[in-house]
Amino acid sequence: RDGIHQLTTSLARTYGTIVVEDLNVAGMVRNRRLARALSDAGFGEIRRQLAYKTGWNGGRLLVASRWFPSSKTCSSCGAVKAKLPLRVRTYVCEGCGLSMDRDENAARNLASLVERTVAGSGPETRNGRGADRKTPPGGAGGRETSTSHRAPAARIRRGPSPTPGESPRILKTQ
């Protein structure tokens, strides 16, 4: 749990725009061979934390459609393969001859998806290495200024005194 918090905090502070794929984790967990690894990875929790932490840091989280063929599309020429089994770890394009790791190809396709989405919107810039620079937070840094972010105070219920050994009842405020 702590590792996921550290990862998502670091990503949200470092990058202005983060893109994730909308994976069918529930369907993937049905595969007995992948179930434990997928459950341990905590994909749903990572996405949830990225969603609120990017907002806090003035960034944004983009979610690529579940049906976007990030692994099957050539990041160089845009050709899309009909089938690409999971056991094939190197992507080879028949159109232009590009050969690279399947995950790196998918990452490049997701990055180009962000560039198409961001095009012309202004505040996103690229640094010398090609990564997004963190967008400076605007206004309240992604938080509502009128919303209190403190935990609500507990109220002690009025009524008969607790018997010896019994603690007072505490009600949660809304």
C-alpha atoms as a PDB file:
ATOM      1  CA  ARG A   1       0.000   0.000   0.000  1.00  0.00           C
ATOM      2  CA  ASP A   2       2.810   2.392   0.891  1.00  0.00           C
ATOM      3  CA  GLY A   3       4.636   1.542  -2.351  1.00  0.00           C
ATOM      4  CA  ILE A   4       1.557   2.407  -4.413  1.00  0.00           C
ATOM      5  CA  HIS A   5       1.214   5.739  -2.574  1.00  0.00           C
ATOM      6  CA  GLN A   6       4.869   6.594  -3.184  1.00  0.00           C
ATOM      7  CA  LEU A   7       4.641   5.623  -6.871  1.00  0.00           C
ATOM      8  CA  THR A   8       1.482   7.597  -7.579  1.00  0.00           C
ATOM      9  CA  THR A   9       2.693  10.652  -5.633  1.00  0.00           C
ATOM     10  CA  SER A  10       5.960  10.659  -7.551  1.00  0.00           C
ATOM     11  CA  LEU A  11       4.206  10.322 -10.920  1.00  0.00           C
ATOM     12  CA  ALA A  12       1.653  13.031 -10.139  1.00  0.00           C
ATOM     13  CA  ARG A  13       4.354  15.469  -8.985  1.00  0.00           C
ATOM     14  CA  THR A  14       6.685  14.757 -11.908  1.00  0.00           C
ATOM     15  CA  TYR A  15       4.343  14.759 -14.914  1.00  0.00           C
ATOM     16  CA  GLY A  16       1.689  17.258 -15.943  1.00  0.00           C
ATOM     17  CA  THR A  17      -0.259  14.701 -17.964  1.00  0.00           C
ATOM     18  CA  ILE A  18      -0.484  10.977 -17.249  1.00  0.00           C
ATOM     19  CA  VAL A  19      -2.245   8.518 -19.524  1.00  0.00           C
ATOM     20  CA  VAL A  20      -3.471   5.090 -18.429  1.00  0.00           C
ATOM     21  CA  GLU A  21      -5.357   2.395 -20.256  1.00  0.00           C
ATOM     22  CA  ASP A  22      -8.868   1.442 -19.192  1.00  0.00           C
ATOM     23  CA  LEU A  23      -8.111  -2.232 -18.603  1.00  0.00           C
ATOM     24  CA  ASN A  24     -10.713  -4.894 -17.924  1.00  0.00           C
ATOM     25  CA  VAL A  25      -9.006  -5.971 -14.711  1.00  0.00           C
ATOM     26  CA  ALA A  26     -12.007  -8.000 -13.524  1.00  0.00           C
ATOM     27  CA  GLY A  27     -11.929 -10.010 -16.740  1.00  0.00           C
ATOM     28  CA  MET A  28      -8.152 -10.451 -16.608  1.00  0.00           C
ATOM     29  CA  VAL A  29      -8.315 -11.750 -13.023  1.00  0.00           C
ATOM     30  CA  ARG A  30     -10.476 -14.639 -14.258  1.00  0.00           C
ATOM     31  CA  ASN A  31      -7.348 -16.015 -15.943  1.00  0.00           C
ATOM     32  CA  ARG A  32      -5.936 -18.362 -13.295  1.00  0.00           C
ATOM     33  CA  ARG A  33      -2.349 -17.831 -14.410  1.00  0.00           C
ATOM     34  CA  LEU A  34      -2.545 -14.038 -14.191  1.00  0.00           C
ATOM     35  CA  ALA A  35      -4.959 -13.631 -11.269  1.00  0.00           C
ATOM     36  CA  ARG A  36      -2.463 -13.406  -8.403  1.00  0.00           C
ATOM     37  CA  ALA A  37      -0.021 -11.109 -10.208  1.00  0.00           C
ATOM     38  CA  LEU A  38      -2.804  -8.787 -11.345  1.00  0.00           C
ATOM     39  CA  SER A  39      -4.386  -8.650  -7.918  1.00  0.00           C
ATOM     40  CA  ASP A  40      -1.033  -7.932  -6.272  1.00  0.00           C
ATOM     41  CA  ALA A  41      -0.310  -5.114  -8.729  1.00  0.00           C
ATOM     42  CA  GLY A  42      -3.379  -3.164  -7.583  1.00  0.00           C
ATOM     43  CA  PHE A  43      -4.206  -1.592 -10.969  1.00  0.00           C
ATOM     44  CA  GLY A  44      -7.534  -0.231  -9.772  1.00  0.00           C
ATOM     45  CA  GLU A  45      -5.966   1.406  -6.720  1.00  0.00           C
ATOM     46  CA  ILE A  46      -3.150   2.918  -8.793  1.00  0.00           C
ATOM     47  CA  ARG A  47      -5.643   4.474 -11.186  1.00  0.00           C
ATOM     48  CA  ARG A  48      -7.833   5.765  -8.338  1.00  0.00           C
ATOM     49  CA  GLN A  49      -4.892   7.408  -6.589  1.00  0.00           C
ATOM     50  CA  LEU A  50      -3.542   8.887  -9.810  1.00  0.00           C
ATOM     51  CA  ALA A  51      -6.951  10.427 -10.481  1.00  0.00           C
ATOM     52  CA  TYR A  52      -7.032  12.489  -7.305  1.00  0.00           C
ATOM     53  CA  LYS A  53      -3.298  13.166  -6.996  1.00  0.00           C
ATOM     54  CA  THR A  54      -2.967  14.585 -10.507  1.00  0.00           C
ATOM     55  CA  GLY A  55      -5.806  16.962  -9.667  1.00  0.00           C
ATOM     56  CA  TRP A  56      -4.089  18.024  -6.462  1.00  0.00           C
ATOM     57  CA  ASN A  57      -0.870  18.764  -8.341  1.00  0.00           C
ATOM     58  CA  GLY A  58      -2.503  20.713 -11.165  1.00  0.00           C
ATOM     59  CA  GLY A  59      -2.066  17.931 -13.723  1.00  0.00           C
ATOM     60  CA  ARG A  60      -4.531  15.683 -15.448  1.00  0.00           C
ATOM     61  CA  LEU A  61      -5.147  11.994 -15.972  1.00  0.00           C
ATOM     62  CA  LEU A  62      -6.219  10.785 -19.394  1.00  0.00           C
ATOM     63  CA  VAL A  63      -7.774   7.345 -19.769  1.00  0.00           C
ATOM     64  CA  ALA A  64      -7.302   5.591 -23.111  1.00  0.00           C
ATOM     65  CA  SER A  65     -10.269   3.531 -24.217  1.00  0.00           C
ATOM     66  CA  ARG A  66     -10.235  -0.164 -23.447  1.00  0.00           C
ATOM     67  CA  TRP A  67     -10.506  -0.785 -27.188  1.00  0.00           C
ATOM     68  CA  PHE A  68      -7.611   1.474 -28.242  1.00  0.00           C
ATOM     69  CA  PRO A  69      -5.103  -0.927 -29.913  1.00  0.00           C
ATOM     70  CA  SER A  70      -1.972   0.464 -28.263  1.00  0.00           C
ATOM     71  CA  SER A  71      -0.006  -2.791 -28.531  1.00  0.00           C
ATOM     72  CA  LYS A  72      -1.178  -3.720 -32.023  1.00  0.00           C
ATOM     73  CA  THR A  73      -0.530  -0.347 -33.692  1.00  0.00           C
ATOM     74  CA  CYS A  74       2.854   0.537 -35.187  1.00  0.00           C
ATOM     75  CA  SER A  75       4.167   3.659 -33.456  1.00  0.00           C
ATOM     76  CA  SER A  76       6.084   4.593 -36.615  1.00  0.00           C
ATOM     77  CA  CYS A  77       3.687   4.155 -39.555  1.00  0.00           C
ATOM     78  CA  GLY A  78       0.337   3.583 -37.800  1.00  0.00           C
ATOM     79  CA  ALA A  79      -0.377   0.133 -39.305  1.00  0.00           C
ATOM     80  CA  VAL A  80      -2.609  -2.016 -37.085  1.00  0.00           C
ATOM     81  CA  LYS A  81      -2.136  -5.768 -36.715  1.00  0.00           C
ATOM     82  CA  ALA A  82      -5.247  -7.939 -36.615  1.00  0.00           C
ATOM     83  CA  LYS A  83      -3.833 -10.296 -33.949  1.00  0.00           C
ATOM     84  CA  LEU A  84      -0.937  -9.992 -31.529  1.00  0.00           C
ATOM     85  CA  PRO A  85      -0.843 -12.798 -28.934  1.00  0.00           C
ATOM     86  CA  LEU A  86       0.460 -11.980 -25.448  1.00  0.00           C
ATOM     87  CA  ARG A  87       3.322 -14.458 -25.834  1.00  0.00           C
ATOM     88  CA  VAL A  88       4.813 -12.286 -28.642  1.00  0.00           C
ATOM     89  CA  ARG A  89       6.946  -9.814 -26.683  1.00  0.00           C
ATOM     90  CA  THR A  90       8.586  -8.039 -29.656  1.00  0.00           C
ATOM     91  CA  TYR A  91       6.465  -5.954 -32.018  1.00  0.00           C
ATOM     92  CA  VAL A  92       7.523  -6.253 -35.662  1.00  0.00           C
ATOM     93  CA  CYS A  93       5.689  -4.124 -38.248  1.00  0.00           C
ATOM     94  CA  GLU A  94       5.126  -5.695 -41.654  1.00  0.00           C
ATOM     95  CA  GLY A  95       4.595  -2.242 -43.186  1.00  0.00           C
ATOM     96  CA  CYS A  96       7.738  -0.334 -42.226  1.00  0.00           C
ATOM     97  CA  GLY A  97       9.907  -3.014 -40.591  1.00  0.00           C
ATOM     98  CA  LEU A  98       9.963  -1.409 -37.124  1.00  0.00           C
ATOM     99  CA  SER A  99      11.045  -3.871 -34.438  1.00  0.00           C
ATOM    100  CA  MET A 100      10.857  -3.019 -30.713  1.00  0.00           C
ATOM    101  CA  ASP A 101       9.592  -4.261 -27.390  1.00  0.00           C
ATOM    102  CA  ARG A 102       5.813  -4.579 -27.420  1.00  0.00           C
ATOM    103  CA  ASP A 103       5.362  -2.509 -24.228  1.00  0.00           C
ATOM    104  CA  GLU A 104       7.598   0.314 -25.469  1.00  0.00           C
ATOM    105  CA  ASN A 105       5.590   0.417 -28.714  1.00  0.00           C
ATOM    106  CA  ALA A 106       2.348   0.641 -26.702  1.00  0.00           C
ATOM    107  CA  ALA A 107       3.818   3.439 -24.541  1.00  0.00           C
ATOM    108  CA  ARG A 108       4.749   5.423 -27.647  1.00  0.00           C
ATOM    109  CA  ASN A 109       1.231   4.985 -29.021  1.00  0.00           C
ATOM    110  CA  LEU A 110      -0.272   6.214 -25.745  1.00  0.00           C
ATOM    111  CA  ALA A 111       2.095   9.208 -25.781  1.00  0.00           C
ATOM    112  CA  SER A 112       0.974  10.077 -29.302  1.00  0.00           C
ATOM    113  CA  LEU A 113      -2.636   9.759 -28.145  1.00  0.00           C
ATOM    114  CA  VAL A 114      -1.907  12.393 -25.488  1.00  0.00           C
ATOM    115  CA  GLU A 115      -0.266  14.674 -28.059  1.00  0.00           C
ATOM    116  CA  ARG A 116      -3.343  14.433 -30.267  1.00  0.00           C
ATOM    117  CA  THR A 117      -5.585  15.187 -27.281  1.00  0.00           C
ATOM    118  CA  VAL A 118      -3.440  18.071 -25.988  1.00  0.00           C
ATOM    119  CA  ALA A 119      -2.681  19.628 -29.401  1.00  0.00           C
ATOM    120  CA  GLY A 120      -3.342  23.337 -29.333  1.00  0.00           C
ATOM    121  CA  SER A 121      -4.472  23.499 -25.711  1.00  0.00           C
ATOM    122  CA  GLY A 122      -1.502  25.576 -24.612  1.00  0.00           C
ATOM    123  CA  PRO A 123      -0.127  24.935 -21.118  1.00  0.00           C
ATOM    124  CA  GLU A 124       1.488  21.554 -21.805  1.00  0.00           C
ATOM    125  CA  THR A 125       5.078  21.907 -23.003  1.00  0.00           C
ATOM    126  CA  ARG A 126       7.846  19.473 -23.839  1.00  0.00           C
ATOM    127  CA  ASN A 127      11.276  19.512 -22.264  1.00  0.00           C
ATOM    128  CA  GLY A 128      14.540  18.658 -24.046  1.00  0.00           C
ATOM    129  CA  ARG A 129      14.149  14.915 -23.469  1.00  0.00           C
ATOM    130  CA  GLY A 130      10.596  14.803 -24.801  1.00  0.00           C
ATOM    131  CA  ALA A 131       8.759  14.240 -21.507  1.00  0.00           C
ATOM    132  CA  ASP A 132       5.930  16.459 -20.292  1.00  0.00           C
ATOM    133  CA  ARG A 133       6.968  19.196 -17.925  1.00  0.00           C
ATOM    134  CA  LYS A 134       4.833  19.565 -14.873  1.00  0.00           C
ATOM    135  CA  THR A 135       2.110  22.119 -15.433  1.00  0.00           C
ATOM    136  CA  PRO A 136       2.143  24.741 -12.671  1.00  0.00           C
ATOM    137  CA  PRO A 137      -0.939  24.503 -10.471  1.00  0.00           C
ATOM    138  CA  GLY A 138      -3.551  27.159 -11.047  1.00  0.00           C
ATOM    139  CA  GLY A 139      -5.484  28.823  -8.288  1.00  0.00           C
ATOM    140  CA  ALA A 140      -5.850  26.544  -5.306  1.00  0.00           C
ATOM    141  CA  GLY A 141      -3.643  23.787  -6.700  1.00  0.00           C
ATOM    142  CA  GLY A 142      -6.521  21.629  -7.830  1.00  0.00           C
ATOM    143  CA  ARG A 143      -8.511  21.892  -4.593  1.00  0.00           C
ATOM    144  CA  GLU A 144     -11.669  23.837  -3.978  1.00  0.00           C
ATOM    145  CA  THR A 145     -10.783  26.823  -1.801  1.00  0.00           C
ATOM    146  CA  SER A 146     -14.090  26.690   0.037  1.00  0.00           C
ATOM    147  CA  THR A 147     -13.846  22.990   0.863  1.00  0.00           C
ATOM    148  CA  SER A 148     -12.310  22.063   4.171  1.00  0.00           C
ATOM    149  CA  HIS A 149      -9.869  19.144   3.898  1.00  0.00           C
ATOM    150  CA  ARG A 150      -9.710  18.467   7.611  1.00  0.00           C
ATOM    151  CA  ALA A 151     -11.321  15.447   9.182  1.00  0.00           C
ATOM    152  CA  PRO A 152     -14.687  16.312  10.728  1.00  0.00           C
ATOM    153  CA  ALA A 153     -14.735  16.660  14.501  1.00  0.00           C
ATOM    154  CA  ALA A 154     -16.339  13.791  16.401  1.00  0.00           C
ATOM    155  CA  ARG A 155     -19.457  14.408  18.459  1.00  0.00           C
ATOM    156  CA  ILE A 156     -20.170  12.654  21.702  1.00  0.00           C
ATOM    157  CA  ARG A 157     -23.722  11.415  21.878  1.00  0.00           C
ATOM    158  CA  ARG A 158     -25.837  13.028  24.561  1.00  0.00           C
ATOM    159  CA  GLY A 159     -27.820  10.681  26.700  1.00  0.00           C
ATOM    160  CA  PRO A 160     -27.329   8.373  29.641  1.00  0.00           C
ATOM    161  CA  SER A 161     -23.815   8.206  31.031  1.00  0.00           C
ATOM    162  CA  PRO A 162     -21.841   5.120  30.046  1.00  0.00           C
ATOM    163  CA  THR A 163     -21.653   2.341  32.585  1.00  0.00           C
ATOM    164  CA  PRO A 164     -18.249   1.613  34.132  1.00  0.00           C
ATOM    165  CA  GLY A 165     -16.001  -0.017  31.517  1.00  0.00           C
ATOM    166  CA  GLU A 166     -18.131   1.265  28.596  1.00  0.00           C
ATOM    167  CA  SER A 167     -16.744   3.995  26.338  1.00  0.00           C
ATOM    168  CA  PRO A 168     -18.855   6.931  25.157  1.00  0.00           C
ATOM    169  CA  ARG A 169     -20.479   6.439  21.748  1.00  0.00           C
ATOM    170  CA  ILE A 170     -19.070   8.549  18.973  1.00  0.00           C
ATOM    171  CA  LEU A 171     -21.143   9.518  15.949  1.00  0.00           C
ATOM    172  CA  LYS A 172     -19.610  10.492  12.638  1.00  0.00           C
ATOM    173  CA  THR A 173     -20.532  13.887  11.281  1.00  0.00           C
ATOM    174  CA  GLN A 174     -21.353  14.374   7.648  1.00  0.00           C
END
